[in-house]
Structure formats: structure tokens, C-alpha cells
């Protein structure tokens, strides 16, 4: 019998891209951080250069395990994941388009002894035609060993990256857009059999050339009862890179009942953008109350009319 081919799905797990302000990027076994400057420790490479400039810097790779560790180094582009806005990087096998094509470590492979650190240098050669604005990447240290994942055909390759924030001198144009705003109200088909829920979904689009830290609010107008008229949305990416789009979905607990317009407004670095959508939210309980009142009122009017009609022959 012929054996069926075994397909292995390889997942590169990138950890430590969001270290706290006082810590290096690490996954508990190895870490990558910028070499300390003469002035202050750094948690990320933050550079401002002119087009056509070659920049040289150093990183410290630390092995916290009890055995030697061999890691492969490369510089990669960073981007926002479309669904949650988290920071992700392109793998070594993927096509690099920006910082990943400009950067190169002095060593492609480094072996770090147990409980030790190694300092490695890397260069960033910014082309003369580089677009002005922010460019984001990471210096990655990846373990080439594939470890079994949670499934039979899943392998995991782990990596740690120190972030690179590179600003190319030139006109800085912050710009932001709110796209595709939709409000979805979900009521149970049968009254009193479930909870009503309203969901807000929209896309944040960085249309400028600088990194933004957006803040987003929701406001409503129209004819409605209950619920606050404004609220801050919390499911927002902490950093939105130039050209990136992030789809955001957030529940709206306590949404008002009625109809009107809802507006999502995003602000960052002095720029402001908004998008609107109409809403119609009529929960079962208020609707049932209105129907009961209308029915009762109609019954009273009908009874009175019949009494008046019955009373006319007697009067004659």
C-alpha cells in the first residue's frame, strides 16, 4: 500500500515583541535587546535617519537556559495583524519589502553559551529613495528547531524580536480613516428567551506615513431611551503603522433602544476621522409593552363604540 504524504504545518511563534518599558524582549529562554547606549538603557531601536544613510547598531542576545543555544538572526518587516492589530513580523522565508530589505546582521547564526550573552552588530542601509515617515521592523532571533504543536501536523518554531522604529526624514503626514462602520443588533427570535446584544464593527486605516496611537469613541443621536450617549471603545490597536488596516469588533453593552445614527470617531496626533451608520434597536420587552398598551387602548375604544351603537335604538 502507498503511504499517504504527511503534511506538516509550520507555525513561527514570535514572542516578546511587546516588552514592558524596563525589560528586554524575551520568551523565558532567550532575549534580544538593543545594546545600552552611553546615556540610557533601551528597549527598542528608535532611529531617525536621512535617505541614503547607513546606520550601524548592536544588539545583545541572552541565553537564560542551562545549555548552549544556536539562533538564526535576520531583520524583518513588521505589520499590524488585520484582525486584532497586534504586531507581527514576516518570517525569513517571506518576501521582505521595507526594513527587512534594508537591515542585515553581521552574523546570520549565533551560538550563545549557557547563561550567557553575546553582542552582535547589524546595519541598516536606508536607500536614497526611501519614503519619508515611519518604517517599523524587528531584529529577530529564531530557533530553527521545530517543536511539536497542539495538533498532529503542526510544528512550532519560536522566535524573539527587538523592535525597530525607523523614521526617515522628510514631510510627516499623519492621517486616519474610519471605514465600513456597521452596527448589528441581535435579538432572540422568541421574546424573553435570550439576551439582546449589539456589536460595533469598523476598520481603522492609517492613511498617512507616521505611526499612530489611536483613541476611539462612540456617540449616538436620534430618538432613543436608555444607555449612555457616548462611550470610549477599548478594543483598539495600541500602534497603527502607516498604510495598515485593522478590523475592529466590539460588543456594545447597554446600547440604547430606539433609532438614529451612531458615529465612531478616531483621533491621533492631532488628526480626526469618523464614520456613521444608522441603528434600529427595539428590544422585545419595551416593544411588548407598547403592543400591550396599544391593544388595551384599542379594546377600550371598541367597547365604548359598541355601547354607543347599542344605545341609539333605546333612545329612539
C-alpha atoms as a PDB file:
ATOM      1  CA  UNK A   1       0.000   0.000   0.000  1.00  0.00           C
ATOM      2  CA  UNK A   2       1.164   3.509  -0.779  1.00  0.00           C
ATOM      3  CA  UNK A   3       1.677   5.760   2.186  1.00  0.00           C
ATOM      4  CA  UNK A   4      -0.271   8.993   2.220  1.00  0.00           C
ATOM      5  CA  UNK A   5       2.033  12.018   2.287  1.00  0.00           C
ATOM      6  CA  UNK A   6       2.403  13.664   5.671  1.00  0.00           C
ATOM      7  CA  UNK A   7       1.969  17.423   5.564  1.00  0.00           C
ATOM      8  CA  UNK A   8       3.448  19.463   8.376  1.00  0.00           C
ATOM      9  CA  UNK A   9       2.093  22.933   9.070  1.00  0.00           C
ATOM     10  CA  UNK A  10       4.932  25.025  10.442  1.00  0.00           C
ATOM     11  CA  UNK A  11       3.986  27.874  12.733  1.00  0.00           C
ATOM     12  CA  UNK A  12       6.525  30.501  13.685  1.00  0.00           C
ATOM     13  CA  UNK A  13       5.620  31.705  17.156  1.00  0.00           C
ATOM     14  CA  UNK A  14       7.010  35.185  17.718  1.00  0.00           C
ATOM     15  CA  UNK A  15       7.101  36.247  21.349  1.00  0.00           C
ATOM     16  CA  UNK A  16       8.469  39.183  23.260  1.00  0.00           C
ATOM     17  CA  UNK A  17       7.689  41.888  20.697  1.00  0.00           C
ATOM     18  CA  UNK A  18       5.892  43.951  23.356  1.00  0.00           C
ATOM     19  CA  UNK A  19       8.215  44.127  26.353  1.00  0.00           C
ATOM     20  CA  UNK A  20       7.432  46.326  29.316  1.00  0.00           C
ATOM     21  CA  UNK A  21       9.387  49.620  29.415  1.00  0.00           C
ATOM     22  CA  UNK A  22      12.103  48.198  31.674  1.00  0.00           C
ATOM     23  CA  UNK A  23      12.545  44.750  30.154  1.00  0.00           C
ATOM     24  CA  UNK A  24      14.059  43.184  27.064  1.00  0.00           C
ATOM     25  CA  UNK A  25      12.049  41.146  24.558  1.00  0.00           C
ATOM     26  CA  UNK A  26      12.207  37.551  25.792  1.00  0.00           C
ATOM     27  CA  UNK A  27      10.306  34.260  25.907  1.00  0.00           C
ATOM     28  CA  UNK A  28      11.755  32.898  29.125  1.00  0.00           C
ATOM     29  CA  UNK A  29      14.674  31.126  27.406  1.00  0.00           C
ATOM     30  CA  UNK A  30      16.372  33.790  25.314  1.00  0.00           C
ATOM     31  CA  UNK A  31      16.022  37.523  24.810  1.00  0.00           C
ATOM     32  CA  UNK A  32      17.035  40.235  22.348  1.00  0.00           C
ATOM     33  CA  UNK A  33      17.542  43.871  23.278  1.00  0.00           C
ATOM     34  CA  UNK A  34      19.471  46.876  21.990  1.00  0.00           C
ATOM     35  CA  UNK A  35      22.916  47.279  23.469  1.00  0.00           C
ATOM     36  CA  UNK A  36      22.812  50.032  26.077  1.00  0.00           C
ATOM     37  CA  UNK A  37      23.778  53.445  24.831  1.00  0.00           C
ATOM     38  CA  UNK A  38      26.165  55.705  26.703  1.00  0.00           C
ATOM     39  CA  UNK A  39      23.193  57.646  28.085  1.00  0.00           C
ATOM     40  CA  UNK A  40      20.337  55.289  28.939  1.00  0.00           C
ATOM     41  CA  UNK A  41      19.157  51.692  28.517  1.00  0.00           C
ATOM     42  CA  UNK A  42      16.903  50.979  25.527  1.00  0.00           C
ATOM     43  CA  UNK A  43      14.088  48.520  24.964  1.00  0.00           C
ATOM     44  CA  UNK A  44      13.746  49.186  21.202  1.00  0.00           C
ATOM     45  CA  UNK A  45      15.805  50.614  18.361  1.00  0.00           C
ATOM     46  CA  UNK A  46      14.471  54.124  17.734  1.00  0.00           C
ATOM     47  CA  UNK A  47      16.286  55.781  14.860  1.00  0.00           C
ATOM     48  CA  UNK A  48      15.896  58.935  12.800  1.00  0.00           C
ATOM     49  CA  UNK A  49      17.914  58.985   9.594  1.00  0.00           C
ATOM     50  CA  UNK A  50      18.167  60.721   6.241  1.00  0.00           C
ATOM     51  CA  UNK A  51      17.530  58.840   2.997  1.00  0.00           C
ATOM     52  CA  UNK A  52      20.716  57.233   1.714  1.00  0.00           C
ATOM     53  CA  UNK A  53      22.191  56.816   5.213  1.00  0.00           C
ATOM     54  CA  UNK A  54      23.757  53.599   6.550  1.00  0.00           C
ATOM     55  CA  UNK A  55      23.246  53.110  10.263  1.00  0.00           C
ATOM     56  CA  UNK A  56      25.178  50.691  12.479  1.00  0.00           C
ATOM     57  CA  UNK A  57      23.922  49.435  15.853  1.00  0.00           C
ATOM     58  CA  UNK A  58      24.360  46.496  18.240  1.00  0.00           C
ATOM     59  CA  UNK A  59      22.065  44.042  19.975  1.00  0.00           C
ATOM     60  CA  UNK A  60      22.538  41.765  22.973  1.00  0.00           C
ATOM     61  CA  UNK A  61      21.264  38.189  22.691  1.00  0.00           C
ATOM     62  CA  UNK A  62      20.980  36.447  26.078  1.00  0.00           C
ATOM     63  CA  UNK A  63      20.564  32.725  26.736  1.00  0.00           C
ATOM     64  CA  UNK A  64      18.945  32.039  30.113  1.00  0.00           C
ATOM     65  CA  UNK A  65      18.906  28.227  29.787  1.00  0.00           C
ATOM     66  CA  UNK A  66      21.463  25.753  31.106  1.00  0.00           C
ATOM     67  CA  UNK A  67      22.635  24.620  27.638  1.00  0.00           C
ATOM     68  CA  UNK A  68      24.146  26.337  24.575  1.00  0.00           C
ATOM     69  CA  UNK A  69      21.593  27.795  22.197  1.00  0.00           C
ATOM     70  CA  UNK A  70      22.016  28.326  18.453  1.00  0.00           C
ATOM     71  CA  UNK A  71      19.818  31.021  16.919  1.00  0.00           C
ATOM     72  CA  UNK A  72      19.386  32.394  13.409  1.00  0.00           C
ATOM     73  CA  UNK A  73      19.294  36.186  13.060  1.00  0.00           C
ATOM     74  CA  UNK A  74      17.526  38.306  10.470  1.00  0.00           C
ATOM     75  CA  UNK A  75      15.881  41.714  10.129  1.00  0.00           C
ATOM     76  CA  UNK A  76      12.166  41.580   9.249  1.00  0.00           C
ATOM     77  CA  UNK A  77       9.315  43.891   8.318  1.00  0.00           C
ATOM     78  CA  UNK A  78       6.667  44.449  10.987  1.00  0.00           C
ATOM     79  CA  UNK A  79       2.959  44.950  10.366  1.00  0.00           C
ATOM     80  CA  UNK A  80      -0.408  45.024  12.119  1.00  0.00           C
ATOM     81  CA  UNK A  81      -2.414  41.814  12.104  1.00  0.00           C
ATOM     82  CA  UNK A  82      -5.710  42.614  10.325  1.00  0.00           C
ATOM     83  CA  UNK A  83      -7.991  41.127  12.998  1.00  0.00           C
ATOM     84  CA  UNK A  84      -6.630  42.388  16.309  1.00  0.00           C
ATOM     85  CA  UNK A  85      -3.975  44.947  15.347  1.00  0.00           C
ATOM     86  CA  UNK A  86      -1.146  43.156  17.138  1.00  0.00           C
ATOM     87  CA  UNK A  87       2.453  43.491  15.963  1.00  0.00           C
ATOM     88  CA  UNK A  88       3.621  40.674  13.690  1.00  0.00           C
ATOM     89  CA  UNK A  89       6.731  40.200  11.541  1.00  0.00           C
ATOM     90  CA  UNK A  90       7.445  38.453   8.267  1.00  0.00           C
ATOM     91  CA  UNK A  91       9.367  35.214   8.501  1.00  0.00           C
ATOM     92  CA  UNK A  92      12.782  34.705   7.000  1.00  0.00           C
ATOM     93  CA  UNK A  93      11.265  32.739   4.109  1.00  0.00           C
ATOM     94  CA  UNK A  94       8.788  35.505   3.284  1.00  0.00           C
ATOM     95  CA  UNK A  95       9.470  38.408   0.931  1.00  0.00           C
ATOM     96  CA  UNK A  96      10.628  41.478   2.840  1.00  0.00           C
ATOM     97  CA  UNK A  97       9.605  44.846   1.397  1.00  0.00           C
ATOM     98  CA  UNK A  98      10.823  47.544   3.747  1.00  0.00           C
ATOM     99  CA  UNK A  99      13.070  47.459   6.821  1.00  0.00           C
ATOM    100  CA  UNK A 100      13.626  43.758   6.217  1.00  0.00           C
ATOM    101  CA  UNK A 101      15.403  44.553   2.940  1.00  0.00           C
ATOM    102  CA  UNK A 102      17.492  47.349   4.451  1.00  0.00           C
ATOM    103  CA  UNK A 103      18.841  45.521   7.512  1.00  0.00           C
ATOM    104  CA  UNK A 104      21.452  42.792   7.823  1.00  0.00           C
ATOM    105  CA  UNK A 105      23.079  41.331  10.946  1.00  0.00           C
ATOM    106  CA  UNK A 106      26.846  40.776  10.990  1.00  0.00           C
ATOM    107  CA  UNK A 107      26.187  37.102  11.719  1.00  0.00           C
ATOM    108  CA  UNK A 108      23.362  35.030  10.309  1.00  0.00           C
ATOM    109  CA  UNK A 109      23.792  32.396  13.029  1.00  0.00           C
ATOM    110  CA  UNK A 110      24.935  32.902  16.587  1.00  0.00           C
ATOM    111  CA  UNK A 111      25.618  30.329  19.318  1.00  0.00           C
ATOM    112  CA  UNK A 112      25.112  31.661  22.833  1.00  0.00           C
ATOM    113  CA  UNK A 113      26.635  29.643  25.708  1.00  0.00           C
ATOM    114  CA  UNK A 114      24.508  28.621  28.665  1.00  0.00           C
ATOM    115  CA  UNK A 115      23.523  31.513  30.968  1.00  0.00           C
ATOM    116  CA  UNK A 116      25.485  33.964  28.830  1.00  0.00           C
ATOM    117  CA  UNK A 117      25.061  36.867  26.438  1.00  0.00           C
ATOM    118  CA  UNK A 118      26.538  37.671  23.042  1.00  0.00           C
ATOM    119  CA  UNK A 119      26.669  41.104  21.416  1.00  0.00           C
ATOM    120  CA  UNK A 120      26.072  41.212  17.660  1.00  0.00           C
ATOM    121  CA  UNK A 121      26.091  44.143  15.290  1.00  0.00           C
ATOM    122  CA  UNK A 122      23.759  44.892  12.391  1.00  0.00           C
ATOM    123  CA  UNK A 123      23.458  47.568   9.748  1.00  0.00           C
ATOM    124  CA  UNK A 124      20.527  49.417   8.223  1.00  0.00           C
ATOM    125  CA  UNK A 125      21.229  50.788   4.763  1.00  0.00           C
ATOM    126  CA  UNK A 126      18.368  53.195   4.033  1.00  0.00           C
ATOM    127  CA  UNK A 127      18.026  53.718   0.267  1.00  0.00           C
ATOM    128  CA  UNK A 128      18.194  57.200  -1.189  1.00  0.00           C
ATOM    129  CA  UNK A 129      14.618  56.948  -2.454  1.00  0.00           C
ATOM    130  CA  UNK A 130      13.155  55.755   0.856  1.00  0.00           C
ATOM    131  CA  UNK A 131       9.751  57.279   1.537  1.00  0.00           C
ATOM    132  CA  UNK A 132       9.708  59.774   4.407  1.00  0.00           C
ATOM    133  CA  UNK A 133       7.891  58.760   7.559  1.00  0.00           C
ATOM    134  CA  UNK A 134       7.885  55.790   9.908  1.00  0.00           C
ATOM    135  CA  UNK A 135       9.126  52.312   8.993  1.00  0.00           C
ATOM    136  CA  UNK A 136       8.782  49.505  11.531  1.00  0.00           C
ATOM    137  CA  UNK A 137      10.624  46.194  11.758  1.00  0.00           C
ATOM    138  CA  UNK A 138      12.392  43.891  14.184  1.00  0.00           C
ATOM    139  CA  UNK A 139      15.740  42.187  14.677  1.00  0.00           C
ATOM    140  CA  UNK A 140      14.735  38.537  15.050  1.00  0.00           C
ATOM    141  CA  UNK A 141      16.478  35.647  16.806  1.00  0.00           C
ATOM    142  CA  UNK A 142      14.765  32.397  15.762  1.00  0.00           C
ATOM    143  CA  UNK A 143      15.343  28.848  16.950  1.00  0.00           C
ATOM    144  CA  UNK A 144      15.379  26.667  13.813  1.00  0.00           C
ATOM    145  CA  UNK A 145      14.351  23.582  15.769  1.00  0.00           C
ATOM    146  CA  UNK A 146      10.772  22.603  15.058  1.00  0.00           C
ATOM    147  CA  UNK A 147       8.856  21.575  18.153  1.00  0.00           C
ATOM    148  CA  UNK A 148       5.558  19.664  18.101  1.00  0.00           C
ATOM    149  CA  UNK A 149       2.455  21.779  18.422  1.00  0.00           C
ATOM    150  CA  UNK A 150      -1.018  21.011  19.692  1.00  0.00           C
ATOM    151  CA  UNK A 151      -2.030  19.045  16.546  1.00  0.00           C
ATOM    152  CA  UNK A 152      -0.622  16.001  14.777  1.00  0.00           C
ATOM    153  CA  UNK A 153       0.512  18.022  11.749  1.00  0.00           C
ATOM    154  CA  UNK A 154       1.549  21.238  13.458  1.00  0.00           C
ATOM    155  CA  UNK A 155       5.119  22.225  14.180  1.00  0.00           C
ATOM    156  CA  UNK A 156       6.196  25.324  16.094  1.00  0.00           C
ATOM    157  CA  UNK A 157       9.310  27.389  15.516  1.00  0.00           C
ATOM    158  CA  UNK A 158       9.883  30.061  18.154  1.00  0.00           C
ATOM    159  CA  UNK A 159      11.420  33.483  17.736  1.00  0.00           C
ATOM    160  CA  UNK A 160      12.039  36.671  19.692  1.00  0.00           C
ATOM    161  CA  UNK A 161      12.352  40.129  18.177  1.00  0.00           C
ATOM    162  CA  UNK A 162      13.594  43.537  19.317  1.00  0.00           C
ATOM    163  CA  UNK A 163      11.519  46.248  17.671  1.00  0.00           C
ATOM    164  CA  UNK A 164      12.986  48.746  15.205  1.00  0.00           C
ATOM    165  CA  UNK A 165      11.266  52.116  14.824  1.00  0.00           C
ATOM    166  CA  UNK A 166      12.904  53.950  11.946  1.00  0.00           C
ATOM    167  CA  UNK A 167      11.839  57.455  10.928  1.00  0.00           C
ATOM    168  CA  UNK A 168      13.079  58.674   7.573  1.00  0.00           C
ATOM    169  CA  UNK A 169      13.412  62.454   7.482  1.00  0.00           C
ATOM    170  CA  UNK A 170      11.021  64.364   5.255  1.00  0.00           C
ATOM    171  CA  UNK A 171       7.410  65.593   5.344  1.00  0.00           C
ATOM    172  CA  UNK A 172       5.419  63.876   8.101  1.00  0.00           C
ATOM    173  CA  UNK A 173       1.736  63.438   7.192  1.00  0.00           C
ATOM    174  CA  UNK A 174      -0.439  61.884   9.911  1.00  0.00           C
ATOM    175  CA  UNK A 175      -3.798  60.804   8.516  1.00  0.00           C
ATOM    176  CA  UNK A 176      -6.503  58.395   9.647  1.00  0.00           C
ATOM    177  CA  UNK A 177      -9.773  56.971   8.316  1.00  0.00           C
ATOM    178  CA  UNK A 178     -12.716  55.072   9.822  1.00  0.00           C
ATOM    179  CA  UNK A 179     -14.168  52.716   7.217  1.00  0.00           C
ATOM    180  CA  UNK A 180     -17.048  50.267   6.950  1.00  0.00           C
ATOM    181  CA  UNK A 181     -18.828  51.053  10.216  1.00  0.00           C
ATOM    182  CA  UNK A 182     -21.617  48.570  10.922  1.00  0.00           C
ATOM    183  CA  UNK A 183     -23.927  48.170  13.910  1.00  0.00           C
ATOM    184  CA  UNK A 184     -25.510  44.771  14.352  1.00  0.00           C
ATOM    185  CA  UNK A 185     -28.346  44.204  16.821  1.00  0.00           C
ATOM    186  CA  UNK A 186     -29.116  40.608  17.746  1.00  0.00           C
ATOM    187  CA  UNK A 187     -32.433  39.964  19.480  1.00  0.00           C
ATOM    188  CA  UNK A 188     -33.819  36.495  20.300  1.00  0.00           C
ATOM    189  CA  UNK A 189     -36.447  35.260  17.846  1.00  0.00           C
ATOM    190  CA  UNK A 190     -38.732  34.316  20.714  1.00  0.00           C
ATOM    191  CA  UNK A 191     -39.262  37.024  23.360  1.00  0.00           C
ATOM    192  CA  UNK A 192     -37.634  36.531  26.768  1.00  0.00           C
ATOM    193  CA  UNK A 193     -35.589  33.508  25.604  1.00  0.00           C
ATOM    194  CA  UNK A 194     -32.177  35.204  25.459  1.00  0.00           C
ATOM    195  CA  UNK A 195     -30.215  38.411  25.791  1.00  0.00           C
ATOM    196  CA  UNK A 196     -30.129  41.188  23.237  1.00  0.00           C
ATOM    197  CA  UNK A 197     -26.674  42.221  22.056  1.00  0.00           C
ATOM    198  CA  UNK A 198     -25.355  44.996  19.853  1.00  0.00           C
ATOM    199  CA  UNK A 199     -21.974  44.761  18.110  1.00  0.00           C
ATOM    200  CA  UNK A 200     -19.935  47.613  16.639  1.00  0.00           C
ATOM    201  CA  UNK A 201     -17.535  46.756  13.811  1.00  0.00           C
ATOM    202  CA  UNK A 202     -15.354  49.075  11.744  1.00  0.00           C
ATOM    203  CA  UNK A 203     -11.938  49.343  10.099  1.00  0.00           C
ATOM    204  CA  UNK A 204      -9.183  51.694  11.245  1.00  0.00           C
ATOM    205  CA  UNK A 205      -6.956  52.712   8.331  1.00  0.00           C
ATOM    206  CA  UNK A 206      -3.701  54.634   8.752  1.00  0.00           C
ATOM    207  CA  UNK A 207      -3.672  56.643   5.517  1.00  0.00           C
ATOM    208  CA  UNK A 208      -0.620  58.712   6.457  1.00  0.00           C
ATOM    209  CA  UNK A 209       3.092  57.998   6.749  1.00  0.00           C
ATOM    210  CA  UNK A 210       3.644  58.054  10.534  1.00  0.00           C
ATOM    211  CA  UNK A 211       2.799  55.594  13.306  1.00  0.00           C
ATOM    212  CA  UNK A 212      -0.385  56.462  15.204  1.00  0.00           C
ATOM    213  CA  UNK A 213      -1.710  55.629  18.684  1.00  0.00           C
ATOM    214  CA  UNK A 214      -5.461  55.975  18.076  1.00  0.00           C
ATOM    215  CA  UNK A 215      -8.208  56.674  20.600  1.00  0.00           C
ATOM    216  CA  UNK A 216     -11.747  55.821  19.532  1.00  0.00           C
ATOM    217  CA  UNK A 217     -15.140  56.916  20.896  1.00  0.00           C
ATOM    218  CA  UNK A 218     -18.746  56.101  20.002  1.00  0.00           C
ATOM    219  CA  UNK A 219     -21.668  58.538  20.129  1.00  0.00           C
ATOM    220  CA  UNK A 220     -25.352  58.222  19.194  1.00  0.00           C
ATOM    221  CA  UNK A 221     -28.061  60.653  18.122  1.00  0.00           C
ATOM    222  CA  UNK A 222     -31.718  60.261  17.287  1.00  0.00           C
ATOM    223  CA  UNK A 223     -34.788  59.043  19.163  1.00  0.00           C
ATOM    224  CA  UNK A 224     -33.871  56.521  21.839  1.00  0.00           C
ATOM    225  CA  UNK A 225     -34.193  55.657  25.502  1.00  0.00           C
ATOM    226  CA  UNK A 226     -31.664  54.207  27.944  1.00  0.00           C
ATOM    227  CA  UNK A 227     -27.963  53.707  27.538  1.00  0.00           C
ATOM    228  CA  UNK A 228     -25.215  56.384  27.542  1.00  0.00           C
ATOM    229  CA  UNK A 229     -24.967  58.689  24.539  1.00  0.00           C
ATOM    230  CA  UNK A 230     -21.172  58.357  24.355  1.00  0.00           C
ATOM    231  CA  UNK A 231     -18.625  55.686  25.285  1.00  0.00           C
ATOM    232  CA  UNK A 232     -14.926  55.008  24.799  1.00  0.00           C
ATOM    233  CA  UNK A 233     -14.102  51.939  22.723  1.00  0.00           C
ATOM    234  CA  UNK A 234     -11.328  49.839  24.232  1.00  0.00           C
ATOM    235  CA  UNK A 235     -10.627  47.146  21.631  1.00  0.00           C
ATOM    236  CA  UNK A 236      -8.264  49.441  19.716  1.00  0.00           C
ATOM    237  CA  UNK A 237      -4.728  48.685  18.425  1.00  0.00           C
ATOM    238  CA  UNK A 238      -2.050  50.300  20.575  1.00  0.00           C
ATOM    239  CA  UNK A 239       0.030  51.134  17.493  1.00  0.00           C
ATOM    240  CA  UNK A 240      -1.237  51.549  13.941  1.00  0.00           C
ATOM    241  CA  UNK A 241       1.525  51.545  11.352  1.00  0.00           C
ATOM    242  CA  UNK A 242       1.481  53.567   8.105  1.00  0.00           C
ATOM    243  CA  UNK A 243      -0.726  52.024   5.431  1.00  0.00           C
ATOM    244  CA  UNK A 244      -2.147  49.344   7.733  1.00  0.00           C
ATOM    245  CA  UNK A 245      -5.832  48.441   8.125  1.00  0.00           C
ATOM    246  CA  UNK A 246      -7.196  46.785  11.255  1.00  0.00           C
ATOM    247  CA  UNK A 247     -10.715  45.385  11.553  1.00  0.00           C
ATOM    248  CA  UNK A 248     -12.137  46.098  14.992  1.00  0.00           C
ATOM    249  CA  UNK A 249     -15.180  44.439  16.559  1.00  0.00           C
ATOM    250  CA  UNK A 250     -16.503  45.303  19.998  1.00  0.00           C
ATOM    251  CA  UNK A 251     -19.674  44.500  21.926  1.00  0.00           C
ATOM    252  CA  UNK A 252     -21.843  47.432  22.957  1.00  0.00           C
ATOM    253  CA  UNK A 253     -23.416  46.503  26.295  1.00  0.00           C
ATOM    254  CA  UNK A 254     -26.348  48.636  27.355  1.00  0.00           C
ATOM    255  CA  UNK A 255     -26.971  50.005  23.877  1.00  0.00           C
ATOM    256  CA  UNK A 256     -29.873  52.477  23.783  1.00  0.00           C
ATOM    257  CA  UNK A 257     -33.266  51.465  22.413  1.00  0.00           C
ATOM    258  CA  UNK A 258     -34.716  53.382  19.501  1.00  0.00           C
ATOM    259  CA  UNK A 259     -33.459  54.566  16.156  1.00  0.00           C
ATOM    260  CA  UNK A 260     -30.944  57.125  14.928  1.00  0.00           C
ATOM    261  CA  UNK A 261     -27.290  57.367  13.932  1.00  0.00           C
ATOM    262  CA  UNK A 262     -24.153  56.065  15.641  1.00  0.00           C
ATOM    263  CA  UNK A 263     -20.809  57.738  14.962  1.00  0.00           C
ATOM    264  CA  UNK A 264     -17.358  56.305  15.621  1.00  0.00           C
ATOM    265  CA  UNK A 265     -14.652  58.963  15.955  1.00  0.00           C
ATOM    266  CA  UNK A 266     -10.920  58.213  15.972  1.00  0.00           C
ATOM    267  CA  UNK A 267      -8.265  60.736  16.996  1.00  0.00           C
ATOM    268  CA  UNK A 268      -4.466  60.514  17.000  1.00  0.00           C
ATOM    269  CA  UNK A 269      -1.617  63.014  16.781  1.00  0.00           C
ATOM    270  CA  UNK A 270      -3.916  65.925  16.032  1.00  0.00           C
ATOM    271  CA  UNK A 271      -5.886  64.177  13.271  1.00  0.00           C
ATOM    272  CA  UNK A 272      -9.537  63.190  13.464  1.00  0.00           C
ATOM    273  CA  UNK A 273     -11.704  60.837  11.410  1.00  0.00           C
ATOM    274  CA  UNK A 274     -15.223  59.487  11.809  1.00  0.00           C
ATOM    275  CA  UNK A 275     -17.773  57.156  10.268  1.00  0.00           C
ATOM    276  CA  UNK A 276     -21.530  56.840  10.840  1.00  0.00           C
ATOM    277  CA  UNK A 277     -24.207  54.204  10.485  1.00  0.00           C
ATOM    278  CA  UNK A 278     -27.902  54.105  11.299  1.00  0.00           C
ATOM    279  CA  UNK A 279     -29.243  51.872  14.053  1.00  0.00           C
ATOM    280  CA  UNK A 280     -32.646  50.459  14.929  1.00  0.00           C
ATOM    281  CA  UNK A 281     -32.727  48.777  18.321  1.00  0.00           C
ATOM    282  CA  UNK A 282     -36.187  47.792  19.643  1.00  0.00           C
ATOM    283  CA  UNK A 283     -35.850  45.109  22.358  1.00  0.00           C
ATOM    284  CA  UNK A 284     -38.667  42.679  22.991  1.00  0.00           C
ATOM    285  CA  UNK A 285     -39.716  43.867  26.426  1.00  0.00           C
ATOM    286  CA  UNK A 286     -40.317  47.566  25.544  1.00  0.00           C
ATOM    287  CA  UNK A 287     -41.904  46.508  22.249  1.00  0.00           C
ATOM    288  CA  UNK A 288     -44.180  44.043  24.033  1.00  0.00           C
ATOM    289  CA  UNK A 289     -45.182  46.772  26.494  1.00  0.00           C
ATOM    290  CA  UNK A 290     -46.086  49.137  23.681  1.00  0.00           C
ATOM    291  CA  UNK A 291     -48.098  46.416  21.953  1.00  0.00           C
ATOM    292  CA  UNK A 292     -49.974  45.635  25.187  1.00  0.00           C
ATOM    293  CA  UNK A 293     -50.841  49.300  25.691  1.00  0.00           C
ATOM    294  CA  UNK A 294     -51.990  49.691  22.089  1.00  0.00           C
ATOM    295  CA  UNK A 295     -54.080  46.525  22.312  1.00  0.00           C
ATOM    296  CA  UNK A 296     -55.674  47.596  25.594  1.00  0.00           C
ATOM    297  CA  UNK A 297     -56.407  51.054  24.252  1.00  0.00           C
ATOM    298  CA  UNK A 298     -57.971  49.606  21.095  1.00  0.00           C
ATOM    299  CA  UNK A 299     -60.157  47.276  23.157  1.00  0.00           C
ATOM    300  CA  UNK A 300     -61.434  50.136  25.320  1.00  0.00           C
ATOM    301  CA  UNK A 301     -62.319  52.217  22.264  1.00  0.00           C
ATOM    302  CA  UNK A 302     -64.090  49.271  20.664  1.00  0.00           C
ATOM    303  CA  UNK A 303     -66.200  48.638  23.778  1.00  0.00           C
ATOM    304  CA  UNK A 304     -67.194  52.284  24.006  1.00  0.00           C
ATOM    305  CA  UNK A 305     -68.182  52.385  20.351  1.00  0.00           C
ATOM    306  CA  UNK A 306     -70.361  49.294  20.690  1.00  0.00           C
ATOM    307  CA  UNK A 307     -72.095  50.789  23.721  1.00  0.00           C
ATOM    308  CA  UNK A 308     -72.875  53.952  21.814  1.00  0.00           C
ATOM    309  CA  UNK A 309     -74.295  51.983  18.877  1.00  0.00           C
ATOM    310  CA  UNK A 310     -76.440  49.813  21.176  1.00  0.00           C
ATOM    311  CA  UNK A 311     -77.798  52.847  22.989  1.00  0.00           C
ATOM    312  CA  UNK A 312     -79.219  54.599  19.860  1.00  0.00           C
ATOM    313  CA  UNK A 313     -82.410  52.382  19.321  1.00  0.00           C
ATOM    314  CA  UNK A 314     -83.355  52.630  23.016  1.00  0.00           C
ATOM    315  CA  UNK A 315     -83.207  56.416  22.860  1.00  0.00           C
ATOM    316  CA  UNK A 316     -85.417  56.447  19.741  1.00  0.00           C
END
